[in-house]
Amino acid sequence: MPFADTWAMQAHLDEVAATVAKGAHAVLLLDRAGWHTTEKLIVPKNLSLVFLPSRSPELNPVENIWQYLRANWLSNRVFGTYVDILDATCEAWNKLTAQPSVIASIGTRKWAHVGQN
């Protein structure tokens, strides 16, 4: 998506909802960006949105994902065009999603796994 706005968020919700198994329910953890909290969104019945407290990026694991992507594949580069940015970002994302254990380790918080392995 070229923009983070209500339309893009609605498309995202619809796509996530379409992948949830029949009879299942998904919960999305979100920050309080305006396009996440707008009343214009139509939240599919098989999704629930849970919002993090304001100004708490340390609670949002995706912030660490973006930091990892920048540190490993996207930093110290000059992009000639918007398409170059998209291509590099998609390539980095695909490299990361091919490593589920890395994603799990980036998103893990020791304090959130008390008594769990």
N, C-alpha and C. Protein backbone atom coordinates (compact mmCIF):
# COMPACT_ATOMS: atom_id res chain seq x y z
N MET A 1 0.83 -1.18 0.00
CA MET A 1 0.00 0.00 0.00
C MET A 1 0.88 1.25 0.00
N PRO A 2 0.59 2.17 -0.86
CA PRO A 2 1.40 3.39 -0.90
C PRO A 2 1.09 4.37 0.22
N PHE A 3 -0.05 4.18 0.91
CA PHE A 3 -0.43 5.09 1.98
C PHE A 3 -0.96 4.29 3.17
N ALA A 4 -0.72 4.81 4.35
CA ALA A 4 -1.33 4.25 5.56
C ALA A 4 -2.53 5.12 5.86
N ASP A 5 -3.70 4.63 5.47
CA ASP A 5 -4.91 5.40 5.67
C ASP A 5 -6.08 4.45 5.92
N THR A 6 -7.26 5.00 6.06
CA THR A 6 -8.45 4.20 6.37
C THR A 6 -8.69 3.15 5.29
N TRP A 7 -8.57 3.54 4.03
CA TRP A 7 -8.80 2.60 2.93
C TRP A 7 -7.84 1.42 3.01
N ALA A 8 -6.55 1.71 3.26
CA ALA A 8 -5.55 0.64 3.36
C ALA A 8 -5.83 -0.26 4.55
N MET A 9 -6.23 0.33 5.67
CA MET A 9 -6.53 -0.47 6.86
C MET A 9 -7.74 -1.35 6.62
N GLN A 10 -8.75 -0.83 5.93
CA GLN A 10 -9.93 -1.64 5.64
C GLN A 10 -9.55 -2.82 4.75
N ALA A 11 -8.71 -2.57 3.75
CA ALA A 11 -8.26 -3.65 2.87
C ALA A 11 -7.49 -4.70 3.68
N HIS A 12 -6.67 -4.24 4.64
CA HIS A 12 -5.89 -5.15 5.49
C HIS A 12 -6.83 -6.01 6.34
N LEU A 13 -7.80 -5.37 6.99
CA LEU A 13 -8.75 -6.12 7.82
C LEU A 13 -9.50 -7.16 7.00
N ASP A 14 -9.93 -6.76 5.82
CA ASP A 14 -10.67 -7.68 4.97
C ASP A 14 -9.81 -8.87 4.56
N GLU A 15 -8.55 -8.60 4.27
CA GLU A 15 -7.64 -9.68 3.87
C GLU A 15 -7.36 -10.63 5.03
N VAL A 16 -7.11 -10.07 6.20
CA VAL A 16 -6.89 -10.92 7.38
C VAL A 16 -8.12 -11.75 7.66
N ALA A 17 -9.29 -11.13 7.64
CA ALA A 17 -10.54 -11.84 7.92
C ALA A 17 -10.75 -12.99 6.95
N ALA A 18 -10.35 -12.81 5.70
CA ALA A 18 -10.54 -13.85 4.68
C ALA A 18 -9.65 -15.06 4.93
N THR A 19 -8.57 -14.89 5.70
CA THR A 19 -7.64 -16.00 5.95
C THR A 19 -7.91 -16.71 7.27
N VAL A 20 -8.80 -16.17 8.09
CA VAL A 20 -9.13 -16.81 9.36
C VAL A 20 -9.96 -18.06 9.07
N ALA A 21 -9.58 -19.16 9.69
CA ALA A 21 -10.30 -20.42 9.49
C ALA A 21 -11.78 -20.27 9.84
N LYS A 22 -12.60 -20.96 9.10
CA LYS A 22 -14.05 -20.93 9.35
C LYS A 22 -14.33 -21.35 10.79
N GLY A 23 -15.13 -20.56 11.48
CA GLY A 23 -15.47 -20.84 12.87
C GLY A 23 -14.47 -20.31 13.87
N ALA A 24 -13.34 -19.79 13.39
CA ALA A 24 -12.30 -19.24 14.28
C ALA A 24 -12.49 -17.73 14.41
N HIS A 25 -11.77 -17.15 15.34
CA HIS A 25 -11.81 -15.71 15.58
C HIS A 25 -10.37 -15.24 15.78
N ALA A 26 -10.01 -14.13 15.15
CA ALA A 26 -8.66 -13.60 15.26
C ALA A 26 -8.67 -12.29 16.04
N VAL A 27 -7.58 -12.04 16.74
CA VAL A 27 -7.40 -10.81 17.49
C VAL A 27 -6.19 -10.09 16.91
N LEU A 28 -6.37 -8.83 16.56
CA LEU A 28 -5.27 -8.02 16.04
C LEU A 28 -4.86 -7.02 17.11
N LEU A 29 -3.58 -6.98 17.40
CA LEU A 29 -3.00 -6.05 18.36
C LEU A 29 -2.52 -4.84 17.58
N LEU A 30 -3.02 -3.66 17.92
CA LEU A 30 -2.74 -2.46 17.13
C LEU A 30 -2.32 -1.29 18.01
N ASP A 31 -1.52 -0.41 17.43
CA ASP A 31 -1.27 0.85 18.11
C ASP A 31 -2.46 1.77 17.83
N ARG A 32 -2.36 3.00 18.24
CA ARG A 32 -3.51 3.90 18.12
C ARG A 32 -3.37 4.89 16.96
N ALA A 33 -2.76 4.42 15.88
CA ALA A 33 -2.69 5.27 14.69
C ALA A 33 -4.11 5.60 14.24
N GLY A 34 -4.29 6.77 13.68
CA GLY A 34 -5.61 7.23 13.30
C GLY A 34 -6.36 6.29 12.38
N TRP A 35 -5.64 5.64 11.47
CA TRP A 35 -6.29 4.71 10.54
C TRP A 35 -6.64 3.38 11.20
N HIS A 36 -6.14 3.14 12.40
CA HIS A 36 -6.52 1.94 13.15
C HIS A 36 -7.77 2.19 13.99
N THR A 37 -7.95 3.43 14.42
CA THR A 37 -9.00 3.73 15.39
C THR A 37 -10.21 4.45 14.80
N THR A 38 -10.17 4.78 13.53
CA THR A 38 -11.29 5.52 12.94
C THR A 38 -12.59 4.74 12.99
N GLU A 39 -13.66 5.43 13.24
CA GLU A 39 -14.99 4.80 13.27
C GLU A 39 -15.47 4.45 11.87
N LYS A 40 -14.73 4.85 10.85
CA LYS A 40 -15.10 4.54 9.47
C LYS A 40 -14.78 3.10 9.09
N LEU A 41 -13.97 2.42 9.91
CA LEU A 41 -13.64 1.03 9.62
C LEU A 41 -14.83 0.12 9.89
N ILE A 42 -14.99 -0.87 9.05
CA ILE A 42 -15.98 -1.91 9.27
C ILE A 42 -15.20 -3.16 9.65
N VAL A 43 -15.20 -3.48 10.95
CA VAL A 43 -14.42 -4.61 11.44
C VAL A 43 -15.20 -5.90 11.16
N PRO A 44 -14.61 -6.82 10.40
CA PRO A 44 -15.28 -8.10 10.13
C PRO A 44 -15.64 -8.82 11.43
N LYS A 45 -16.71 -9.58 11.38
CA LYS A 45 -17.22 -10.25 12.59
C LYS A 45 -16.25 -11.27 13.17
N ASN A 46 -15.32 -11.79 12.35
CA ASN A 46 -14.39 -12.79 12.85
C ASN A 46 -13.07 -12.18 13.34
N LEU A 47 -13.07 -10.86 13.53
CA LEU A 47 -11.89 -10.16 14.05
C LEU A 47 -12.26 -9.31 15.25
N SER A 48 -11.32 -9.19 16.18
CA SER A 48 -11.42 -8.22 17.27
C SER A 48 -10.15 -7.39 17.26
N LEU A 49 -10.30 -6.09 17.47
CA LEU A 49 -9.15 -5.19 17.52
C LEU A 49 -8.86 -4.86 18.98
N VAL A 50 -7.61 -5.04 19.39
CA VAL A 50 -7.17 -4.71 20.73
C VAL A 50 -6.11 -3.63 20.58
N PHE A 51 -6.32 -2.50 21.26
CA PHE A 51 -5.42 -1.36 21.11
C PHE A 51 -4.44 -1.26 22.27
N LEU A 52 -3.19 -1.03 21.92
CA LEU A 52 -2.15 -0.81 22.92
C LEU A 52 -2.33 0.57 23.55
N PRO A 53 -1.79 0.76 24.74
CA PRO A 53 -1.84 2.10 25.33
C PRO A 53 -1.09 3.10 24.45
N SER A 54 -1.50 4.33 24.49
CA SER A 54 -0.83 5.38 23.71
C SER A 54 0.63 5.52 24.13
N ARG A 55 1.44 5.88 23.17
CA ARG A 55 2.87 6.15 23.38
C ARG A 55 3.58 5.01 24.11
N SER A 56 3.40 3.79 23.59
CA SER A 56 4.05 2.63 24.20
C SER A 56 4.63 1.71 23.12
N PRO A 57 5.58 2.22 22.31
CA PRO A 57 6.12 1.39 21.25
C PRO A 57 6.81 0.13 21.75
N GLU A 58 7.25 0.13 23.00
CA GLU A 58 7.92 -1.06 23.54
C GLU A 58 6.95 -2.24 23.67
N LEU A 59 5.66 -1.97 23.65
CA LEU A 59 4.67 -3.05 23.72
C LEU A 59 4.29 -3.59 22.35
N ASN A 60 4.74 -2.93 21.31
CA ASN A 60 4.34 -3.29 19.95
C ASN A 60 5.48 -4.03 19.25
N PRO A 61 5.40 -5.35 19.15
CA PRO A 61 6.49 -6.13 18.56
C PRO A 61 6.82 -5.74 17.12
N VAL A 62 5.85 -5.21 16.38
CA VAL A 62 6.13 -4.86 14.99
C VAL A 62 7.17 -3.73 14.90
N GLU A 63 7.26 -2.91 15.95
CA GLU A 63 8.30 -1.88 15.95
C GLU A 63 9.68 -2.52 15.88
N ASN A 64 9.85 -3.66 16.56
CA ASN A 64 11.12 -4.37 16.53
C ASN A 64 11.35 -5.06 15.18
N ILE A 65 10.27 -5.49 14.55
CA ILE A 65 10.38 -6.09 13.21
C ILE A 65 10.93 -5.06 12.23
N TRP A 66 10.35 -3.85 12.25
CA TRP A 66 10.83 -2.80 11.34
C TRP A 66 12.29 -2.45 11.63
N GLN A 67 12.65 -2.40 12.90
CA GLN A 67 14.04 -2.11 13.27
C GLN A 67 14.96 -3.21 12.71
N TYR A 68 14.55 -4.46 12.82
CA TYR A 68 15.35 -5.58 12.31
C TYR A 68 15.48 -5.48 10.79
N LEU A 69 14.39 -5.19 10.10
CA LEU A 69 14.45 -5.06 8.64
C LEU A 69 15.41 -3.95 8.23
N ARG A 70 15.31 -2.81 8.90
CA ARG A 70 16.21 -1.70 8.57
C ARG A 70 17.66 -2.07 8.85
N ALA A 71 17.91 -2.68 10.00
CA ALA A 71 19.28 -3.00 10.39
C ALA A 71 19.92 -4.04 9.48
N ASN A 72 19.12 -4.97 8.97
CA ASN A 72 19.69 -6.09 8.22
C ASN A 72 19.63 -5.95 6.70
N TRP A 73 18.62 -5.25 6.18
CA TRP A 73 18.48 -5.23 4.73
C TRP A 73 18.15 -3.87 4.12
N LEU A 74 17.75 -2.90 4.92
CA LEU A 74 17.25 -1.66 4.31
C LEU A 74 18.06 -0.41 4.64
N SER A 75 19.01 -0.50 5.54
CA SER A 75 19.76 0.70 5.93
C SER A 75 20.94 0.96 5.00
N ASN A 76 21.45 2.17 5.08
CA ASN A 76 22.64 2.58 4.33
C ASN A 76 22.50 2.34 2.83
N ARG A 77 21.33 2.66 2.31
CA ARG A 77 21.06 2.49 0.88
C ARG A 77 20.41 3.75 0.36
N VAL A 78 20.60 3.98 -0.91
CA VAL A 78 19.93 5.08 -1.59
C VAL A 78 19.01 4.44 -2.62
N PHE A 79 17.76 4.84 -2.60
CA PHE A 79 16.78 4.31 -3.53
C PHE A 79 16.49 5.36 -4.60
N GLY A 80 16.56 4.94 -5.84
CA GLY A 80 16.36 5.88 -6.95
C GLY A 80 14.91 6.23 -7.19
N THR A 81 14.03 5.28 -6.92
CA THR A 81 12.61 5.51 -7.21
C THR A 81 11.76 4.89 -6.11
N TYR A 82 10.51 5.23 -6.12
CA TYR A 82 9.54 4.65 -5.20
C TYR A 82 9.46 3.14 -5.41
N VAL A 83 9.49 2.71 -6.67
CA VAL A 83 9.42 1.27 -6.98
C VAL A 83 10.63 0.55 -6.39
N ASP A 84 11.80 1.20 -6.40
CA ASP A 84 12.99 0.61 -5.79
C ASP A 84 12.78 0.39 -4.29
N ILE A 85 12.12 1.34 -3.64
CA ILE A 85 11.82 1.21 -2.21
C ILE A 85 10.89 0.02 -1.99
N LEU A 86 9.83 -0.05 -2.80
CA LEU A 86 8.90 -1.17 -2.68
C LEU A 86 9.58 -2.51 -2.90
N ASP A 87 10.39 -2.58 -3.95
CA ASP A 87 11.09 -3.84 -4.25
C ASP A 87 12.01 -4.26 -3.11
N ALA A 88 12.78 -3.32 -2.58
CA ALA A 88 13.71 -3.64 -1.49
C ALA A 88 12.95 -4.06 -0.24
N THR A 89 11.86 -3.36 0.05
CA THR A 89 11.07 -3.69 1.23
C THR A 89 10.43 -5.07 1.09
N CYS A 90 9.88 -5.36 -0.08
CA CYS A 90 9.28 -6.68 -0.30
C CYS A 90 10.33 -7.78 -0.22
N GLU A 91 11.49 -7.54 -0.77
CA GLU A 91 12.57 -8.54 -0.70
C GLU A 91 12.97 -8.78 0.75
N ALA A 92 13.12 -7.70 1.52
CA ALA A 92 13.49 -7.84 2.94
C ALA A 92 12.39 -8.58 3.70
N TRP A 93 11.14 -8.23 3.44
CA TRP A 93 10.02 -8.88 4.12
C TRP A 93 10.00 -10.37 3.80
N ASN A 94 10.20 -10.72 2.54
CA ASN A 94 10.19 -12.13 2.15
C ASN A 94 11.34 -12.90 2.79
N LYS A 95 12.49 -12.27 2.90
CA LYS A 95 13.62 -12.92 3.59
C LYS A 95 13.27 -13.18 5.05
N LEU A 96 12.63 -12.19 5.68
CA LEU A 96 12.28 -12.35 7.09
C LEU A 96 11.20 -13.40 7.28
N THR A 97 10.16 -13.37 6.46
CA THR A 97 9.06 -14.33 6.65
C THR A 97 9.49 -15.76 6.36
N ALA A 98 10.61 -15.93 5.69
CA ALA A 98 11.16 -17.27 5.47
C ALA A 98 11.87 -17.80 6.72
N GLN A 99 11.95 -16.96 7.77
CA GLN A 99 12.64 -17.32 9.01
C GLN A 99 11.70 -17.14 10.21
N PRO A 100 10.69 -18.00 10.36
CA PRO A 100 9.72 -17.82 11.45
C PRO A 100 10.35 -17.78 12.83
N SER A 101 11.42 -18.51 13.04
CA SER A 101 12.04 -18.50 14.36
C SER A 101 12.66 -17.13 14.67
N VAL A 102 13.15 -16.45 13.66
CA VAL A 102 13.68 -15.10 13.87
C VAL A 102 12.54 -14.15 14.23
N ILE A 103 11.43 -14.26 13.54
CA ILE A 103 10.27 -13.42 13.84
C ILE A 103 9.83 -13.65 15.28
N ALA A 104 9.75 -14.90 15.69
CA ALA A 104 9.33 -15.22 17.06
C ALA A 104 10.30 -14.63 18.07
N SER A 105 11.59 -14.70 17.79
CA SER A 105 12.57 -14.17 18.75
C SER A 105 12.51 -12.65 18.82
N ILE A 106 12.25 -12.00 17.69
CA ILE A 106 12.15 -10.54 17.69
C ILE A 106 10.94 -10.08 18.49
N GLY A 107 9.84 -10.80 18.38
CA GLY A 107 8.61 -10.40 19.04
C GLY A 107 8.46 -10.89 20.46
N THR A 108 9.37 -11.71 20.93
CA THR A 108 9.26 -12.27 22.28
C THR A 108 9.70 -11.26 23.32
N ARG A 109 8.94 -11.18 24.38
CA ARG A 109 9.28 -10.36 25.53
C ARG A 109 9.39 -11.28 26.73
N LYS A 110 10.54 -11.31 27.38
CA LYS A 110 10.72 -12.19 28.53
C LYS A 110 9.65 -11.97 29.59
N TRP A 111 9.29 -10.73 29.84
CA TRP A 111 8.31 -10.41 30.87
C TRP A 111 6.91 -10.87 30.48
N ALA A 112 6.67 -11.17 29.20
CA ALA A 112 5.34 -11.60 28.77
C ALA A 112 5.22 -13.12 28.73
N HIS A 113 6.30 -13.84 29.05
CA HIS A 113 6.30 -15.29 28.97
C HIS A 113 6.67 -15.92 30.31
N VAL A 114 6.21 -15.34 31.37
CA VAL A 114 6.50 -15.85 32.70
C VAL A 114 5.88 -17.24 32.84
N GLY A 115 6.70 -18.22 33.15
CA GLY A 115 6.23 -19.57 33.36
C GLY A 115 5.91 -20.32 32.08
N GLN A 116 6.27 -19.76 30.94
CA GLN A 116 6.03 -20.39 29.64
C GLN A 116 7.34 -20.63 28.94
N ASN A 117 7.37 -21.62 28.06
CA ASN A 117 8.56 -21.88 27.24
C ASN A 117 8.37 -21.32 25.86
